[in-house]
PDB file of N, CA and C in Angstrom:
ATOM      1  N   MET A   1     -23.393  65.548 -30.975  1.00  0.00           N
ATOM      2  CA  MET A   1     -22.589  65.528 -29.768  1.00  0.00           C
ATOM      3  C   MET A   1     -21.193  66.098 -30.047  1.00  0.00           C
ATOM      4  N   ARG A   2     -20.663  65.737 -31.221  1.00  0.00           N
ATOM      5  CA  ARG A   2     -19.331  66.203 -31.587  1.00  0.00           C
ATOM      6  C   ARG A   2     -19.308  67.736 -31.685  1.00  0.00           C
ATOM      7  N   HIS A   3     -20.348  68.313 -32.278  1.00  0.00           N
ATOM      8  CA  HIS A   3     -20.436  69.767 -32.407  1.00  0.00           C
ATOM      9  C   HIS A   3     -20.541  70.429 -31.032  1.00  0.00           C
ATOM     10  N   LEU A   4     -21.264  69.794 -30.154  1.00  0.00           N
ATOM     11  CA  LEU A   4     -21.421  70.311 -28.801  1.00  0.00           C
ATOM     12  C   LEU A   4     -20.077  70.347 -28.077  1.00  0.00           C
ATOM     13  N   LEU A   5     -19.286  69.283 -28.207  1.00  0.00           N
ATOM     14  CA  LEU A   5     -17.972  69.228 -27.567  1.00  0.00           C
ATOM     15  C   LEU A   5     -17.018  70.264 -28.172  1.00  0.00           C
ATOM     16  N   MET A   6     -17.065  70.422 -29.492  1.00  0.00           N
ATOM     17  CA  MET A   6     -16.209  71.418 -30.133  1.00  0.00           C
ATOM     18  C   MET A   6     -16.603  72.831 -29.689  1.00  0.00           C
ATOM     19  N   GLY A   7     -17.879  73.082 -29.596  1.00  0.00           N
ATOM     20  CA  GLY A   7     -18.350  74.389 -29.142  1.00  0.00           C
ATOM     21  C   GLY A   7     -17.925  74.668 -27.717  1.00  0.00           C
ATOM     22  N   ALA A   8     -18.042  73.661 -26.859  1.00  0.00           N
ATOM     23  CA  ALA A   8     -17.634  73.807 -25.461  1.00  0.00           C
ATOM     24  C   ALA A   8     -16.135  74.052 -25.366  1.00  0.00           C
ATOM     25  N   ALA A   9     -15.346  73.359 -26.191  1.00  0.00           N
ATOM     26  CA  ALA A   9     -13.901  73.549 -26.181  1.00  0.00           C
ATOM     27  C   ALA A   9     -13.538  74.960 -26.628  1.00  0.00           C
ATOM     28  N   LEU A  10     -14.208  75.464 -27.644  1.00  0.00           N
ATOM     29  CA  LEU A  10     -13.944  76.826 -28.109  1.00  0.00           C
ATOM     30  C   LEU A  10     -14.311  77.857 -27.049  1.00  0.00           C
ATOM     31  N   LEU A  11     -15.428  77.652 -26.375  1.00  0.00           N
ATOM     32  CA  LEU A  11     -15.817  78.574 -25.308  1.00  0.00           C
ATOM     33  C   LEU A  11     -14.807  78.554 -24.171  1.00  0.00           C
ATOM     34  N   LEU A  12     -14.314  77.382 -23.836  1.00  0.00           N
ATOM     35  CA  LEU A  12     -13.323  77.254 -22.774  1.00  0.00           C
ATOM     36  C   LEU A  12     -12.037  77.979 -23.155  1.00  0.00           C
ATOM     37  N   LEU A  13     -11.584  77.809 -24.386  1.00  0.00           N
ATOM     38  CA  LEU A  13     -10.383  78.501 -24.848  1.00  0.00           C
ATOM     39  C   LEU A  13     -10.575  80.014 -24.844  1.00  0.00           C
ATOM     40  N   ALA A  14     -11.723  80.459 -25.285  1.00  0.00           N
ATOM     41  CA  ALA A  14     -12.004  81.895 -25.306  1.00  0.00           C
ATOM     42  C   ALA A  14     -12.021  82.466 -23.894  1.00  0.00           C
ATOM     43  N   ALA A  15     -12.558  81.729 -22.955  1.00  0.00           N
ATOM     44  CA  ALA A  15     -12.632  82.201 -21.570  1.00  0.00           C
ATOM     45  C   ALA A  15     -11.256  82.257 -20.931  1.00  0.00           C
ATOM     46  N   CYS A  16     -10.369  81.360 -21.321  1.00  0.00           N
ATOM     47  CA  CYS A  16      -9.030  81.312 -20.732  1.00  0.00           C
ATOM     48  C   CYS A  16      -8.092  82.345 -21.338  1.00  0.00           C
ATOM     49  N   ALA A  17      -8.331  82.749 -22.549  1.00  0.00           N
ATOM     50  CA  ALA A  17      -7.457  83.697 -23.229  1.00  0.00           C
ATOM     51  C   ALA A  17      -7.857  85.114 -22.848  1.00  0.00           C
ATOM     52  N   THR A  18      -7.022  85.773 -22.065  1.00  0.00           N
ATOM     53  CA  THR A  18      -7.271  87.161 -21.674  1.00  0.00           C
ATOM     54  C   THR A  18      -6.328  88.041 -22.461  1.00  0.00           C
ATOM     55  N   PRO A  19      -6.851  88.868 -23.333  1.00  0.00           N
ATOM     56  CA  PRO A  19      -5.971  89.756 -24.107  1.00  0.00           C
ATOM     57  C   PRO A  19      -5.180  90.671 -23.189  1.00  0.00           C
ATOM     58  N   ASP A  20      -3.937  90.960 -23.575  1.00  0.00           N
ATOM     59  CA  ASP A  20      -3.087  91.850 -22.783  1.00  0.00           C
ATOM     60  C   ASP A  20      -3.725  93.214 -22.604  1.00  0.00           C
ATOM     61  N   GLU A  21      -4.464  93.673 -23.604  1.00  0.00           N
ATOM     62  CA  GLU A  21      -5.129  94.965 -23.503  1.00  0.00           C
ATOM     63  C   GLU A  21      -6.097  94.999 -22.333  1.00  0.00           C
ATOM     64  N   ASP A  22      -6.876  93.934 -22.169  1.00  0.00           N
ATOM     65  CA  ASP A  22      -7.845  93.886 -21.074  1.00  0.00           C
ATOM     66  C   ASP A  22      -7.149  93.902 -19.724  1.00  0.00           C
ATOM     67  N   SER A  23      -6.066  93.141 -19.581  1.00  0.00           N
ATOM     68  CA  SER A  23      -5.373  93.101 -18.298  1.00  0.00           C
ATOM     69  C   SER A  23      -4.678  94.428 -18.014  1.00  0.00           C
ATOM     70  N   ALA A  24      -4.210  95.106 -19.048  1.00  0.00           N
ATOM     71  CA  ALA A  24      -3.576  96.404 -18.857  1.00  0.00           C
ATOM     72  C   ALA A  24      -4.619  97.476 -18.559  1.00  0.00           C
ATOM     73  N   ALA A  25      -5.799  97.345 -19.122  1.00  0.00           N
ATOM     74  CA  ALA A  25      -6.856  98.335 -18.928  1.00  0.00           C
ATOM     75  C   ALA A  25      -7.519  98.207 -17.559  1.00  0.00           C
ATOM     76  N   ALA A  26      -7.456  97.040 -16.957  1.00  0.00           N
ATOM     77  CA  ALA A  26      -8.144  96.813 -15.683  1.00  0.00           C
ATOM     78  C   ALA A  26      -7.679  97.765 -14.578  1.00  0.00           C
ATOM     79  N   PRO A  27      -6.372  97.922 -14.328  1.00  0.00           N
ATOM     80  CA  PRO A  27      -5.963  98.868 -13.280  1.00  0.00           C
ATOM     81  C   PRO A  27      -6.356 100.312 -13.606  1.00  0.00           C
ATOM     82  N   TYR A  28      -6.250 100.696 -14.878  1.00  0.00           N
ATOM     83  CA  TYR A  28      -6.648 102.041 -15.298  1.00  0.00           C
ATOM     84  C   TYR A  28      -8.128 102.275 -14.991  1.00  0.00           C
ATOM     85  N   ALA A  29      -8.960 101.313 -15.380  1.00  0.00           N
ATOM     86  CA  ALA A  29     -10.405 101.430 -15.136  1.00  0.00           C
ATOM     87  C   ALA A  29     -10.685 101.437 -13.635  1.00  0.00           C
ATOM     88  N   ARG A  30      -9.959 100.655 -12.895  1.00  0.00           N
ATOM     89  CA  ARG A  30     -10.123 100.622 -11.434  1.00  0.00           C
ATOM     90  C   ARG A  30      -9.750 101.978 -10.839  1.00  0.00           C
ATOM     91  N   GLY A  31      -8.636 102.555 -11.300  1.00  0.00           N
ATOM     92  CA  GLY A  31      -8.220 103.875 -10.820  1.00  0.00           C
ATOM     93  C   GLY A  31      -9.238 104.946 -11.150  1.00  0.00           C
ATOM     94  N   ALA A  32      -9.785 104.884 -12.373  1.00  0.00           N
ATOM     95  CA  ALA A  32     -10.819 105.843 -12.767  1.00  0.00           C
ATOM     96  C   ALA A  32     -12.053 105.694 -11.889  1.00  0.00           C
ATOM     97  N   ALA A  33     -12.432 104.465 -11.587  1.00  0.00           N
ATOM     98  CA  ALA A  33     -13.605 104.216 -10.744  1.00  0.00           C
ATOM     99  C   ALA A  33     -13.369 104.708  -9.315  1.00  0.00           C
ATOM    100  N   ILE A  34     -12.162 104.533  -8.811  1.00  0.00           N
ATOM    101  CA  ILE A  34     -11.826 105.012  -7.467  1.00  0.00           C
ATOM    102  C   ILE A  34     -11.912 106.539  -7.424  1.00  0.00           C
ATOM    103  N   ALA A  35     -11.357 107.183  -8.441  1.00  0.00           N
ATOM    104  CA  ALA A  35     -11.414 108.645  -8.505  1.00  0.00           C
ATOM    105  C   ALA A  35     -12.859 109.121  -8.597  1.00  0.00           C
ATOM    106  N   GLU A  36     -13.645 108.464  -9.411  1.00  0.00           N
ATOM    107  CA  GLU A  36     -15.058 108.831  -9.565  1.00  0.00           C
ATOM    108  C   GLU A  36     -15.797 108.695  -8.230  1.00  0.00           C
ATOM    109  N   ALA A  37     -15.620 107.581  -7.570  1.00  0.00           N
ATOM    110  CA  ALA A  37     -16.362 107.295  -6.333  1.00  0.00           C
ATOM    111  C   ALA A  37     -15.931 108.168  -5.160  1.00  0.00           C
ATOM    112  N   ASN A  38     -14.639 108.494  -5.090  1.00  0.00           N
ATOM    113  CA  ASN A  38     -14.124 109.159  -3.900  1.00  0.00           C
ATOM    114  C   ASN A  38     -13.756 110.623  -4.058  1.00  0.00           C
ATOM    115  N   CYS A  39     -13.574 111.065  -5.294  1.00  0.00           N
ATOM    116  CA  CYS A  39     -12.972 112.379  -5.495  1.00  0.00           C
ATOM    117  C   CYS A  39     -13.776 113.331  -6.368  1.00  0.00           C
ATOM    118  N   SER A  40     -14.659 112.804  -7.188  1.00  0.00           N
ATOM    119  CA  SER A  40     -15.314 113.633  -8.210  1.00  0.00           C
ATOM    120  C   SER A  40     -16.295 114.656  -7.659  1.00  0.00           C
ATOM    121  N   SER A  41     -16.703 114.532  -6.415  1.00  0.00           N
ATOM    122  CA  SER A  41     -17.620 115.543  -5.880  1.00  0.00           C
ATOM    123  C   SER A  41     -16.903 116.875  -5.651  1.00  0.00           C
ATOM    124  N   CYS A  42     -15.570 116.844  -5.579  1.00  0.00           N
ATOM    125  CA  CYS A  42     -14.790 118.068  -5.384  1.00  0.00           C
ATOM    126  C   CYS A  42     -13.834 118.361  -6.538  1.00  0.00           C
ATOM    127  N   HIS A  43     -13.194 117.327  -7.081  1.00  0.00           N
ATOM    128  CA  HIS A  43     -12.164 117.490  -8.100  1.00  0.00           C
ATOM    129  C   HIS A  43     -12.671 117.129  -9.491  1.00  0.00           C
ATOM    130  N   ALA A  44     -12.163 117.852 -10.497  1.00  0.00           N
ATOM    131  CA  ALA A  44     -12.336 117.409 -11.878  1.00  0.00           C
ATOM    132  C   ALA A  44     -11.384 116.225 -12.026  1.00  0.00           C
ATOM    133  N   ILE A  45     -11.907 115.062 -12.366  1.00  0.00           N
ATOM    134  CA  ILE A  45     -11.083 113.855 -12.383  1.00  0.00           C
ATOM    135  C   ILE A  45     -10.697 113.412 -13.787  1.00  0.00           C
ATOM    136  N   GLY A  46     -11.167 114.109 -14.807  1.00  0.00           N
ATOM    137  CA  GLY A  46     -10.872 113.714 -16.177  1.00  0.00           C
ATOM    138  C   GLY A  46      -9.892 114.648 -16.848  1.00  0.00           C
ATOM    139  N   ARG A  47      -9.805 114.521 -18.162  1.00  0.00           N
ATOM    140  CA  ARG A  47      -8.875 115.324 -18.959  1.00  0.00           C
ATOM    141  C   ARG A  47      -9.394 116.740 -19.242  1.00  0.00           C
ATOM    142  N   SER A  48     -10.615 117.044 -18.814  1.00  0.00           N
ATOM    143  CA  SER A  48     -11.175 118.378 -19.047  1.00  0.00           C
ATOM    144  C   SER A  48     -12.185 118.689 -17.946  1.00  0.00           C
ATOM    145  N   GLY A  49     -12.625 119.922 -17.942  1.00  0.00           N
ATOM    146  CA  GLY A  49     -13.648 120.335 -16.996  1.00  0.00           C
ATOM    147  C   GLY A  49     -13.093 121.004 -15.761  1.00  0.00           C
ATOM    148  N   ASP A  50     -13.969 121.744 -15.109  1.00  0.00           N
ATOM    149  CA  ASP A  50     -13.614 122.433 -13.871  1.00  0.00           C
ATOM    150  C   ASP A  50     -13.966 121.559 -12.679  1.00  0.00           C
ATOM    151  N   SER A  51     -13.239 121.743 -11.590  1.00  0.00           N
ATOM    152  CA  SER A  51     -13.556 121.039 -10.349  1.00  0.00           C
ATOM    153  C   SER A  51     -14.846 121.598  -9.767  1.00  0.00           C
ATOM    154  N   PRO A  52     -15.730 120.753  -9.267  1.00  0.00           N
ATOM    155  CA  PRO A  52     -16.952 121.242  -8.626  1.00  0.00           C
ATOM    156  C   PRO A  52     -16.662 122.177  -7.448  1.00  0.00           C
ATOM    157  N   LEU A  53     -15.571 121.933  -6.744  1.00  0.00           N
ATOM    158  CA  LEU A  53     -15.142 122.787  -5.645  1.00  0.00           C
ATOM    159  C   LEU A  53     -13.954 123.606  -6.154  1.00  0.00           C
ATOM    160  N   ALA A  54     -14.125 124.906  -6.252  1.00  0.00           N
ATOM    161  CA  ALA A  54     -13.128 125.775  -6.890  1.00  0.00           C
ATOM    162  C   ALA A  54     -11.725 125.608  -6.305  1.00  0.00           C
ATOM    163  N   GLU A  55     -11.609 125.378  -5.014  1.00  0.00           N
ATOM    164  CA  GLU A  55     -10.280 125.261  -4.404  1.00  0.00           C
ATOM    165  C   GLU A  55      -9.654 123.883  -4.552  1.00  0.00           C
ATOM    166  N   ALA A  56     -10.377 122.928  -5.110  1.00  0.00           N
ATOM    167  CA  ALA A  56      -9.855 121.571  -5.331  1.00  0.00           C
ATOM    168  C   ALA A  56      -9.247 121.497  -6.733  1.00  0.00           C
ATOM    169  N   PRO A  57      -7.945 121.270  -6.831  1.00  0.00           N
ATOM    170  CA  PRO A  57      -7.310 121.281  -8.152  1.00  0.00           C
ATOM    171  C   PRO A  57      -7.808 120.140  -9.045  1.00  0.00           C
ATOM    172  N   PRO A  58      -7.938 120.415 -10.338  1.00  0.00           N
ATOM    173  CA  PRO A  58      -8.259 119.334 -11.271  1.00  0.00           C
ATOM    174  C   PRO A  58      -7.140 118.295 -11.232  1.00  0.00           C
ATOM    175  N   PHE A  59      -7.499 117.035 -11.234  1.00  0.00           N
ATOM    176  CA  PHE A  59      -6.498 115.979 -11.160  1.00  0.00           C
ATOM    177  C   PHE A  59      -5.524 116.012 -12.327  1.00  0.00           C
ATOM    178  N   ARG A  60      -5.956 116.471 -13.490  1.00  0.00           N
ATOM    179  CA  ARG A  60      -5.077 116.484 -14.663  1.00  0.00           C
ATOM    180  C   ARG A  60      -3.932 117.469 -14.511  1.00  0.00           C
ATOM    181  N   ARG A  61      -3.985 118.338 -13.505  1.00  0.00           N
ATOM    182  CA  ARG A  61      -2.935 119.341 -13.300  1.00  0.00           C
ATOM    183  C   ARG A  61      -2.068 119.062 -12.071  1.00  0.00           C
ATOM    184  N   LEU A  62      -2.231 117.930 -11.449  1.00  0.00           N
ATOM    185  CA  LEU A  62      -1.455 117.623 -10.246  1.00  0.00           C
ATOM    186  C   LEU A  62       0.044 117.613 -10.515  1.00  0.00           C
ATOM    187  N   SER A  63       0.451 117.145 -11.691  1.00  0.00           N
ATOM    188  CA  SER A  63       1.885 117.053 -11.998  1.00  0.00           C
ATOM    189  C   SER A  63       2.533 118.428 -12.163  1.00  0.00           C
ATOM    190  N   GLN A  64       1.743 119.474 -12.254  1.00  0.00           N
ATOM    191  CA  GLN A  64       2.297 120.830 -12.310  1.00  0.00           C
ATOM    192  C   GLN A  64       2.775 121.268 -10.929  1.00  0.00           C
ATOM    193  N   ARG A  65       2.302 120.591  -9.899  1.00  0.00           N
ATOM    194  CA  ARG A  65       2.666 120.932  -8.521  1.00  0.00           C
ATOM    195  C   ARG A  65       3.750 120.023  -7.957  1.00  0.00           C
ATOM    196  N   PHE A  66       3.712 118.722  -8.333  1.00  0.00           N
ATOM    197  CA  PHE A  66       4.652 117.729  -7.811  1.00  0.00           C
ATOM    198  C   PHE A  66       4.494 116.452  -8.634  1.00  0.00           C
ATOM    199  N   PRO A  67       5.462 115.536  -8.555  1.00  0.00           N
ATOM    200  CA  PRO A  67       5.309 114.265  -9.267  1.00  0.00           C
ATOM    201  C   PRO A  67       4.122 113.478  -8.693  1.00  0.00           C
ATOM    202  N   VAL A  68       3.260 113.019  -9.571  1.00  0.00           N
ATOM    203  CA  VAL A  68       2.070 112.283  -9.136  1.00  0.00           C
ATOM    204  C   VAL A  68       2.455 111.045  -8.332  1.00  0.00           C
ATOM    205  N   SER A  69       3.570 110.413  -8.691  1.00  0.00           N
ATOM    206  CA  SER A  69       3.996 109.213  -7.960  1.00  0.00           C
ATOM    207  C   SER A  69       4.289 109.522  -6.493  1.00  0.00           C
ATOM    208  N   ASP A  70       4.560 110.790  -6.169  1.00  0.00           N
ATOM    209  CA  ASP A  70       4.788 111.180  -4.773  1.00  0.00           C
ATOM    210  C   ASP A  70       3.535 111.003  -3.912  1.00  0.00           C
ATOM    211  N   LEU A  71       2.384 110.849  -4.536  1.00  0.00           N
ATOM    212  CA  LEU A  71       1.139 110.647  -3.786  1.00  0.00           C
ATOM    213  C   LEU A  71       0.988 109.224  -3.257  1.00  0.00           C
ATOM    214  N   GLN A  72       1.825 108.312  -3.723  1.00  0.00           N
ATOM    215  CA  GLN A  72       1.666 106.900  -3.379  1.00  0.00           C
ATOM    216  C   GLN A  72       1.603 106.674  -1.863  1.00  0.00           C
ATOM    217  N   GLU A  73       2.550 107.201  -1.134  1.00  0.00           N
ATOM    218  CA  GLU A  73       2.576 107.013   0.316  1.00  0.00           C
ATOM    219  C   GLU A  73       1.364 107.666   0.988  1.00  0.00           C
ATOM    220  N   ALA A  74       1.046 108.880   0.578  1.00  0.00           N
ATOM    221  CA  ALA A  74      -0.090 109.585   1.174  1.00  0.00           C
ATOM    222  C   ALA A  74      -1.403 108.849   0.924  1.00  0.00           C
ATOM    223  N   LEU A  75      -1.575 108.306  -0.279  1.00  0.00           N
ATOM    224  CA  LEU A  75      -2.811 107.575  -0.580  1.00  0.00           C
ATOM    225  C   LEU A  75      -2.913 106.283   0.226  1.00  0.00           C
ATOM    226  N   GLY A  76      -1.774 105.649   0.471  1.00  0.00           N
ATOM    227  CA  GLY A  76      -1.769 104.404   1.228  1.00  0.00           C
ATOM    228  C   GLY A  76      -1.912 104.608   2.723  1.00  0.00           C
ATOM    229  N   GLU A  77      -1.299 105.668   3.227  1.00  0.00           N
ATOM    230  CA  GLU A  77      -1.334 105.905   4.670  1.00  0.00           C
ATOM    231  C   GLU A  77      -2.475 106.810   5.089  1.00  0.00           C
ATOM    232  N   GLY A  78      -2.981 107.574   4.145  1.00  0.00           N
ATOM    233  CA  GLY A  78      -4.113 108.436   4.435  1.00  0.00           C
ATOM    234  C   GLY A  78      -3.834 109.892   4.153  1.00  0.00           C
ATOM    235  N   ILE A  79      -4.564 110.421   3.198  1.00  0.00           N
ATOM    236  CA  ILE A  79      -4.461 111.853   2.904  1.00  0.00           C
ATOM    237  C   ILE A  79      -5.355 112.585   3.897  1.00  0.00           C
ATOM    238  N   SER A  80      -4.780 113.503   4.606  1.00  0.00           N
ATOM    239  CA  SER A  80      -5.576 114.277   5.561  1.00  0.00           C
ATOM    240  C   SER A  80      -5.353 115.766   5.363  1.00  0.00           C
ATOM    241  N   VAL A  81      -4.664 116.134   4.299  1.00  0.00           N
ATOM    242  CA  VAL A  81      -4.466 117.541   3.972  1.00  0.00           C
ATOM    243  C   VAL A  81      -5.026 117.785   2.588  1.00  0.00           C
ATOM    244  N   GLY A  82      -5.095 118.998   2.211  1.00  0.00           N
ATOM    245  CA  GLY A  82      -5.650 119.360   0.915  1.00  0.00           C
ATOM    246  C   GLY A  82      -6.498 120.587   1.120  1.00  0.00           C
ATOM    247  N   HIS A  83      -7.620 120.613   0.473  1.00  0.00           N
ATOM    248  CA  HIS A  83      -8.530 121.733   0.697  1.00  0.00           C
ATOM    249  C   HIS A  83      -9.256 121.513   2.022  1.00  0.00           C
ATOM    250  N   PRO A  84      -9.796 122.562   2.626  1.00  0.00           N
ATOM    251  CA  PRO A  84     -10.382 122.460   3.971  1.00  0.00           C
ATOM    252  C   PRO A  84     -11.476 121.403   4.125  1.00  0.00           C
ATOM    253  N   ALA A  85     -12.253 121.174   3.104  1.00  0.00           N
ATOM    254  CA  ALA A  85     -13.355 120.213   3.217  1.00  0.00           C
ATOM    255  C   ALA A  85     -12.948 118.787   2.849  1.00  0.00           C
ATOM    256  N   MET A  86     -11.664 118.565   2.576  1.00  0.00           N
ATOM    257  CA  MET A  86     -11.232 117.246   2.110  1.00  0.00           C
ATOM    258  C   MET A  86     -11.279 116.217   3.222  1.00  0.00           C
ATOM    259  N   PRO A  87     -12.005 115.118   2.985  1.00  0.00           N
ATOM    260  CA  PRO A  87     -12.059 114.056   3.998  1.00  0.00           C
ATOM    261  C   PRO A  87     -10.757 113.263   4.028  1.00  0.00           C
ATOM    262  N   HIS A  88     -10.580 112.487   5.065  1.00  0.00           N
ATOM    263  CA  HIS A  88      -9.406 111.619   5.220  1.00  0.00           C
ATOM    264  C   HIS A  88      -9.598 110.371   4.360  1.00  0.00           C
ATOM    265  N   PHE A  89      -8.596 110.028   3.542  1.00  0.00           N
ATOM    266  CA  PHE A  89      -8.644 108.841   2.703  1.00  0.00           C
ATOM    267  C   PHE A  89      -7.438 107.962   2.963  1.00  0.00           C
ATOM    268  N   ALA A  90      -7.629 106.650   2.936  1.00  0.00           N
ATOM    269  CA  ALA A  90      -6.539 105.674   2.955  1.00  0.00           C
ATOM    270  C   ALA A  90      -6.998 104.516   2.078  1.00  0.00           C
ATOM    271  N   PHE A  91      -6.162 104.142   1.117  1.00  0.00           N
ATOM    272  CA  PHE A  91      -6.516 103.107   0.156  1.00  0.00           C
ATOM    273  C   PHE A  91      -5.619 101.889   0.297  1.00  0.00           C
ATOM    274  N   ALA A  92      -6.121 100.743  -0.107  1.00  0.00           N
ATOM    275  CA  ALA A  92      -5.343  99.505  -0.142  1.00  0.00           C
ATOM    276  C   ALA A  92      -4.243  99.651  -1.196  1.00  0.00           C
ATOM    277  N   PRO A  93      -3.120  98.925  -1.041  1.00  0.00           N
ATOM    278  CA  PRO A  93      -2.001  99.063  -1.982  1.00  0.00           C
ATOM    279  C   PRO A  93      -2.390  98.890  -3.451  1.00  0.00           C
ATOM    280  N   GLU A  94      -3.235  97.918  -3.771  1.00  0.00           N
ATOM    281  CA  GLU A  94      -3.614  97.714  -5.169  1.00  0.00           C
ATOM    282  C   GLU A  94      -4.484  98.866  -5.677  1.00  0.00           C
ATOM    283  N   ASP A  95      -5.235  99.493  -4.790  1.00  0.00           N
ATOM    284  CA  ASP A  95      -6.030 100.658  -5.173  1.00  0.00           C
ATOM    285  C   ASP A  95      -5.138 101.885  -5.369  1.00  0.00           C
ATOM    286  N   VAL A  96      -4.116 102.021  -4.535  1.00  0.00           N
ATOM    287  CA  VAL A  96      -3.159 103.120  -4.691  1.00  0.00           C
ATOM    288  C   VAL A  96      -2.480 103.009  -6.052  1.00  0.00           C
ATOM    289  N   ASP A  97      -2.010 101.812  -6.393  1.00  0.00           N
ATOM    290  CA  ASP A  97      -1.336 101.608  -7.681  1.00  0.00           C
ATOM    291  C   ASP A  97      -2.264 101.955  -8.841  1.00  0.00           C
ATOM    292  N   ALA A  98      -3.502 101.525  -8.757  1.00  0.00           N
ATOM    293  CA  ALA A  98      -4.469 101.787  -9.827  1.00  0.00           C
ATOM    294  C   ALA A  98      -4.766 103.282  -9.930  1.00  0.00           C
ATOM    295  N   LEU A  99      -4.923 103.942  -8.808  1.00  0.00           N
ATOM    296  CA  LEU A  99      -5.220 105.373  -8.817  1.00  0.00           C
ATOM    297  C   LEU A  99      -4.039 106.179  -9.353  1.00  0.00           C
ATOM    298  N   ILE A 100      -2.825 105.826  -8.954  1.00  0.00           N
ATOM    299  CA  ILE A 100      -1.630 106.506  -9.464  1.00  0.00           C
ATOM    300  C   ILE A 100      -1.525 106.309 -10.975  1.00  0.00           C
ATOM    301  N   LEU A 101      -1.749 105.091 -11.452  1.00  0.00           N
ATOM    302  CA  LEU A 101      -1.715 104.818 -12.891  1.00  0.00           C
ATOM    303  C   LEU A 101      -2.722 105.699 -13.628  1.00  0.00           C
ATOM    304  N   TYR A 102      -3.925 105.773 -13.089  1.00  0.00           N
ATOM    305  CA  TYR A 102      -4.948 106.614 -13.708  1.00  0.00           C
ATOM    306  C   TYR A 102      -4.535 108.090 -13.697  1.00  0.00           C
ATOM    307  N   LEU A 103      -4.085 108.581 -12.555  1.00  0.00           N
ATOM    308  CA  LEU A 103      -3.697 109.985 -12.440  1.00  0.00           C
ATOM    309  C   LEU A 103      -2.566 110.327 -13.405  1.00  0.00           C
ATOM    310  N   GLU A 104      -1.570 109.459 -13.502  1.00  0.00           N
ATOM    311  CA  GLU A 104      -0.458 109.712 -14.411  1.00  0.00           C
ATOM    312  C   GLU A 104      -0.931 109.752 -15.867  1.00  0.00           C
ATOM    313  N   SER A 105      -1.954 108.977 -16.178  1.00  0.00           N
ATOM    314  CA  SER A 105      -2.423 108.896 -17.566  1.00  0.00           C
ATOM    315  C   SER A 105      -3.202 110.132 -18.016  1.00  0.00           C
ATOM    316  N   ILE A 106      -3.696 110.922 -17.087  1.00  0.00           N
ATOM    317  CA  ILE A 106      -4.531 112.070 -17.469  1.00  0.00           C
ATOM    318  C   ILE A 106      -3.813 113.411 -17.329  1.00  0.00           C
ATOM    319  N   GLN A 107      -2.549 113.406 -16.964  1.00  0.00           N
ATOM    320  CA  GLN A 107      -1.843 114.668 -16.687  1.00  0.00           C
ATOM    321  C   GLN A 107      -1.724 115.546 -17.915  1.00  0.00           C
ATOM    322  N   ASP A 108      -1.966 116.822 -17.672  1.00  0.00           N
ATOM    323  CA  ASP A 108      -1.817 117.872 -18.671  1.00  0.00           C
ATOM    324  C   ASP A 108      -0.698 118.756 -18.154  1.00  0.00           C
ATOM    325  N   ASP A 109       0.504 118.528 -18.643  1.00  0.00           N
ATOM    326  CA  ASP A 109       1.664 119.240 -18.119  1.00  0.00           C
ATOM    327  C   ASP A 109       1.800 120.665 -18.626  1.00  0.00           C
ATOM    328  N   ALA A 110       0.916 121.058 -19.523  1.00  0.00           N
ATOM    329  CA  ALA A 110       0.956 122.443 -20.017  1.00  0.00           C
ATOM    330  C   ALA A 110       0.438 123.379 -18.947  1.00  0.00           C
ATOM    331  N   ALA A 111       1.140 124.416 -18.685  1.00  0.00           N
ATOM    332  CA  ALA A 111       0.693 125.395 -17.684  1.00  0.00           C
ATOM    333  C   ALA A 111      -0.551 126.114 -18.213  1.00  0.00           C
ATOM    334  N   SER A 112      -1.486 126.307 -17.302  1.00  0.00           N
ATOM    335  CA  SER A 112      -2.685 127.047 -17.696  1.00  0.00           C
ATOM    336  C   SER A 112      -3.216 127.848 -16.547  1.00  0.00           C
TER     337      SER A 112
END
């Protein structure tokens, strides 16, 4: 019984302890998932590769055109401009923050 209680206590402590890395990675992973689900059919959403739609800029090069953080308002209120086939998007504030974090993390500021 004593071993059972000690094991349960250790499991409880392990479940309560969330490493800072995991909490920091969660918004990044959420942003990547949002980009994958909503944008990858037209845009290259990673650090390499071509966009499936030639006129849709790769996300890693957005900062060559403007500060990525400038997208915050447009993502929250609804993007309705871009390439001609781009659908209208509006995201919840926590999704906007996650997507901006992801976009900022993949920027390739080298001109190409």
